[in-house]
C-alpha cells in the first residue's frame, strides 16, 4: 500500500505480512540509530534523486524510464560509505 503523509508530504509504502520488509526496515533503522546523520543524508539523497527523476521505480506513464527505488538508493549510499571508510554507516 502506498500513501503520502499529509503533514510532511513524504511518500510511504506499507507492507502487511511481509517479514522480509520488516527485517529490511529493522536493518536500516539500526544503521540510522548507530549514526544519526545517516537518516538526514538519506532523505537528502532521496530528495535529490526525485528532483532529477532517478527515484521512480514504477512509472505511471508508458515510456517513462524506470529508475531506482528509495530502498536501492539507501543501500547504495550505505555501501558507498562502508567501502570508502566513512564512519557514517558502520
N, C-alpha and C. Protein backbone atom coordinates (compact mmCIF):
# COMPACT_ATOMS: atom_id res chain seq x y z
N UNK A 1 0.85 -1.16 0.00
CA UNK A 1 0.00 0.00 0.00
C UNK A 1 0.90 1.23 0.00
N UNK A 2 0.63 2.15 -0.88
CA UNK A 2 1.42 3.37 -0.96
C UNK A 2 0.54 4.54 -0.53
N UNK A 3 1.17 5.48 0.17
CA UNK A 3 0.44 6.69 0.57
C UNK A 3 1.42 7.81 0.82
N UNK A 4 0.89 9.02 0.93
CA UNK A 4 1.72 10.19 1.20
C UNK A 4 1.23 10.82 2.50
N UNK A 5 2.18 11.07 3.42
CA UNK A 5 1.85 11.71 4.68
C UNK A 5 1.36 13.13 4.39
N UNK A 6 0.15 13.48 4.83
CA UNK A 6 -0.38 14.80 4.50
C UNK A 6 0.35 15.96 5.20
N UNK A 7 1.04 15.68 6.28
CA UNK A 7 1.73 16.74 7.02
C UNK A 7 3.12 16.99 6.43
N UNK A 8 3.89 15.91 6.24
CA UNK A 8 5.27 16.07 5.76
C UNK A 8 5.39 15.97 4.25
N UNK A 9 4.41 15.33 3.61
CA UNK A 9 4.49 15.13 2.16
C UNK A 9 5.38 13.97 1.77
N UNK A 10 5.86 13.19 2.76
CA UNK A 10 6.74 12.05 2.49
C UNK A 10 5.91 10.89 1.97
N UNK A 11 6.36 10.30 0.85
CA UNK A 11 5.71 9.12 0.30
C UNK A 11 6.13 7.89 1.11
N UNK A 12 5.18 7.00 1.35
CA UNK A 12 5.44 5.81 2.18
C UNK A 12 4.88 4.57 1.50
N UNK A 13 5.47 3.44 1.83
CA UNK A 13 4.96 2.13 1.42
C UNK A 13 4.68 1.35 2.69
N UNK A 14 3.59 0.60 2.68
CA UNK A 14 3.26 -0.23 3.85
C UNK A 14 3.17 -1.68 3.40
N UNK A 15 3.84 -2.56 4.14
CA UNK A 15 3.79 -3.99 3.87
C UNK A 15 3.01 -4.68 4.97
N UNK A 16 2.20 -5.64 4.57
CA UNK A 16 1.44 -6.43 5.54
C UNK A 16 1.80 -7.89 5.31
N UNK A 17 2.12 -8.59 6.39
CA UNK A 17 2.52 -10.00 6.33
C UNK A 17 3.72 -10.21 5.41
N UNK A 18 4.67 -9.32 5.48
CA UNK A 18 5.89 -9.44 4.68
C UNK A 18 7.06 -9.35 5.64
N UNK A 19 7.56 -10.48 6.07
CA UNK A 19 8.64 -10.49 7.05
C UNK A 19 9.93 -9.91 6.50
N UNK A 20 10.20 -10.13 5.23
CA UNK A 20 11.42 -9.59 4.64
C UNK A 20 11.41 -8.06 4.72
N UNK A 21 10.26 -7.45 4.42
CA UNK A 21 10.15 -5.99 4.54
C UNK A 21 10.40 -5.52 5.95
N UNK A 22 9.91 -6.29 6.91
CA UNK A 22 10.12 -5.94 8.32
C UNK A 22 11.62 -5.98 8.66
N UNK A 23 12.30 -7.04 8.25
CA UNK A 23 13.73 -7.16 8.56
C UNK A 23 14.56 -6.11 7.83
N UNK A 24 14.19 -5.80 6.60
CA UNK A 24 14.90 -4.75 5.87
C UNK A 24 14.76 -3.41 6.59
N UNK A 25 13.55 -3.12 7.04
CA UNK A 25 13.30 -1.87 7.77
C UNK A 25 14.08 -1.85 9.08
N UNK A 26 14.10 -2.96 9.78
CA UNK A 26 14.83 -3.05 11.05
C UNK A 26 16.33 -2.82 10.84
N UNK A 27 16.86 -3.37 9.75
CA UNK A 27 18.28 -3.18 9.44
C UNK A 27 18.59 -1.70 9.20
N UNK A 28 17.78 -1.04 8.38
CA UNK A 28 18.00 0.38 8.11
C UNK A 28 17.84 1.21 9.37
N UNK A 29 16.89 0.84 10.21
CA UNK A 29 16.71 1.55 11.47
C UNK A 29 17.96 1.46 12.33
N UNK A 30 18.57 0.28 12.38
CA UNK A 30 19.78 0.11 13.19
C UNK A 30 20.93 0.96 12.65
N UNK A 31 21.09 1.00 11.33
CA UNK A 31 22.12 1.87 10.75
C UNK A 31 21.88 3.33 11.16
N UNK A 32 20.63 3.76 11.08
CA UNK A 32 20.32 5.16 11.42
C UNK A 32 20.49 5.44 12.91
N UNK A 33 20.23 4.45 13.75
CA UNK A 33 20.44 4.63 15.19
C UNK A 33 21.93 4.69 15.53
N UNK A 34 22.74 3.95 14.78
CA UNK A 34 24.19 3.96 15.02
C UNK A 34 24.82 5.29 14.65
N UNK A 35 24.36 5.87 13.56
CA UNK A 35 24.91 7.13 13.06
C UNK A 35 23.76 8.06 12.72
N UNK A 36 23.44 8.96 13.62
CA UNK A 36 22.27 9.83 13.47
C UNK A 36 22.27 10.67 12.19
N UNK A 37 23.41 11.16 11.68
CA UNK A 37 23.37 11.95 10.44
C UNK A 37 22.94 11.14 9.22
N UNK A 38 22.97 9.82 9.31
CA UNK A 38 22.65 8.98 8.16
C UNK A 38 21.22 9.20 7.68
N UNK A 39 20.26 9.29 8.57
CA UNK A 39 18.86 9.48 8.17
C UNK A 39 18.69 10.77 7.39
N UNK A 40 19.32 11.83 7.85
CA UNK A 40 19.24 13.11 7.15
C UNK A 40 19.88 13.00 5.77
N UNK A 41 21.03 12.35 5.70
CA UNK A 41 21.72 12.18 4.43
C UNK A 41 20.85 11.38 3.45
N UNK A 42 20.21 10.32 3.94
CA UNK A 42 19.37 9.50 3.07
C UNK A 42 18.16 10.28 2.56
N UNK A 43 17.58 11.12 3.41
CA UNK A 43 16.46 11.96 2.96
C UNK A 43 16.91 12.95 1.88
N UNK A 44 18.11 13.50 2.04
CA UNK A 44 18.65 14.42 1.03
C UNK A 44 18.90 13.70 -0.29
N UNK A 45 19.43 12.49 -0.22
CA UNK A 45 19.67 11.71 -1.44
C UNK A 45 18.35 11.41 -2.14
N UNK A 46 17.33 11.02 -1.38
CA UNK A 46 16.03 10.73 -1.98
C UNK A 46 15.43 11.98 -2.61
N UNK A 47 15.55 13.11 -1.94
CA UNK A 47 15.03 14.37 -2.48
C UNK A 47 15.75 14.73 -3.78
N UNK A 48 17.08 14.61 -3.78
CA UNK A 48 17.87 14.90 -4.98
C UNK A 48 17.48 13.96 -6.12
N UNK A 49 17.38 12.67 -5.81
CA UNK A 49 17.05 11.68 -6.84
C UNK A 49 15.65 11.92 -7.40
N UNK A 50 14.71 12.30 -6.55
CA UNK A 50 13.35 12.58 -7.03
C UNK A 50 13.35 13.80 -7.94
N UNK A 51 14.14 14.79 -7.58
CA UNK A 51 14.19 16.04 -8.35
C UNK A 51 14.69 15.81 -9.77
N UNK A 52 15.59 14.86 -9.96
CA UNK A 52 16.12 14.59 -11.30
C UNK A 52 15.58 13.28 -11.89
N UNK A 53 14.42 12.84 -11.37
CA UNK A 53 13.71 11.65 -11.87
C UNK A 53 14.51 10.36 -11.80
N UNK A 54 15.31 10.21 -10.74
CA UNK A 54 16.02 8.95 -10.51
C UNK A 54 15.36 8.12 -9.41
N UNK A 55 14.24 8.58 -8.88
CA UNK A 55 13.55 7.87 -7.80
C UNK A 55 12.11 7.58 -8.22
N UNK A 56 12.00 6.80 -9.30
CA UNK A 56 10.69 6.47 -9.85
C UNK A 56 10.70 5.03 -10.34
N UNK A 57 10.68 4.05 -9.42
CA UNK A 57 10.80 2.66 -9.83
C UNK A 57 9.57 2.12 -10.55
N UNK A 58 8.43 2.78 -10.41
CA UNK A 58 7.19 2.33 -11.05
C UNK A 58 6.54 3.49 -11.80
N UNK A 59 7.06 3.83 -12.98
CA UNK A 59 6.50 4.98 -13.70
C UNK A 59 5.04 4.74 -14.09
N UNK A 60 4.25 5.78 -14.05
CA UNK A 60 2.82 5.68 -14.35
C UNK A 60 2.53 5.86 -15.84
N UNK A 61 3.44 6.48 -16.56
CA UNK A 61 3.23 6.76 -17.97
C UNK A 61 4.13 5.86 -18.81
N UNK A 62 3.55 5.24 -19.82
CA UNK A 62 4.34 4.39 -20.71
C UNK A 62 5.45 5.21 -21.35
N UNK A 63 6.63 4.65 -21.38
CA UNK A 63 7.76 5.34 -21.97
C UNK A 63 8.64 6.05 -20.96
N UNK A 64 8.11 6.31 -19.76
CA UNK A 64 8.94 6.93 -18.72
C UNK A 64 9.98 5.91 -18.27
N UNK A 65 11.22 6.34 -18.10
CA UNK A 65 12.26 5.39 -17.70
C UNK A 65 12.06 4.90 -16.26
N UNK A 66 12.35 3.65 -16.06
CA UNK A 66 12.34 3.08 -14.71
C UNK A 66 13.66 3.46 -14.06
N UNK A 67 13.62 3.83 -12.79
CA UNK A 67 14.84 4.22 -12.11
C UNK A 67 14.93 3.50 -10.77
N UNK A 68 15.50 4.13 -9.77
CA UNK A 68 15.79 3.48 -8.50
C UNK A 68 14.68 3.65 -7.47
N UNK A 69 14.49 2.62 -6.67
CA UNK A 69 13.59 2.74 -5.51
C UNK A 69 14.36 3.43 -4.39
N UNK A 70 13.62 3.92 -3.41
CA UNK A 70 14.26 4.55 -2.25
C UNK A 70 15.14 3.54 -1.52
N UNK A 71 14.68 2.30 -1.46
CA UNK A 71 15.45 1.26 -0.77
C UNK A 71 16.78 1.01 -1.48
N UNK A 72 16.76 0.96 -2.81
CA UNK A 72 18.02 0.71 -3.53
C UNK A 72 18.97 1.91 -3.38
N UNK A 73 18.45 3.13 -3.40
CA UNK A 73 19.29 4.31 -3.17
C UNK A 73 19.91 4.26 -1.78
N UNK A 74 19.12 3.84 -0.80
CA UNK A 74 19.61 3.74 0.57
C UNK A 74 20.74 2.72 0.69
N UNK A 75 20.53 1.54 0.11
CA UNK A 75 21.57 0.51 0.17
C UNK A 75 22.85 0.95 -0.55
N UNK A 76 22.70 1.63 -1.68
CA UNK A 76 23.89 2.10 -2.39
C UNK A 76 24.65 3.14 -1.57
N UNK A 77 23.92 4.04 -0.91
CA UNK A 77 24.57 5.07 -0.09
C UNK A 77 25.32 4.43 1.08
N UNK A 78 24.68 3.49 1.76
CA UNK A 78 25.32 2.82 2.89
C UNK A 78 26.55 2.03 2.42
N UNK A 79 26.41 1.32 1.31
CA UNK A 79 27.55 0.55 0.78
C UNK A 79 28.70 1.48 0.41
N UNK A 80 28.39 2.62 -0.19
CA UNK A 80 29.45 3.57 -0.54
C UNK A 80 30.18 4.05 0.71
N UNK A 81 29.44 4.39 1.74
CA UNK A 81 30.07 4.85 2.98
C UNK A 81 30.93 3.76 3.61
N UNK A 82 30.46 2.53 3.54
CA UNK A 82 31.23 1.42 4.12
C UNK A 82 32.52 1.18 3.37
N UNK A 83 32.48 1.13 2.06
CA UNK A 83 33.70 0.82 1.31
C UNK A 83 34.66 2.00 1.21
N UNK A 84 34.14 3.21 1.39
CA UNK A 84 35.02 4.38 1.32
C UNK A 84 35.67 4.69 2.67
N UNK A 85 35.27 3.93 3.69
CA UNK A 85 35.88 4.13 5.00
C UNK A 85 35.28 5.28 5.80
N UNK A 86 34.14 5.79 5.34
CA UNK A 86 33.48 6.87 6.06
C UNK A 86 32.81 6.29 7.32
N UNK A 87 32.87 6.97 8.42
CA UNK A 87 32.30 6.44 9.66
C UNK A 87 30.79 6.55 9.75
N UNK A 88 30.12 7.10 8.75
CA UNK A 88 28.69 7.38 8.87
C UNK A 88 27.80 6.14 8.86
N UNK A 89 28.29 5.00 8.43
CA UNK A 89 27.39 3.85 8.33
C UNK A 89 27.97 2.56 8.89
N UNK A 90 28.90 2.64 9.78
CA UNK A 90 29.45 1.41 10.35
C UNK A 90 28.63 0.95 11.52
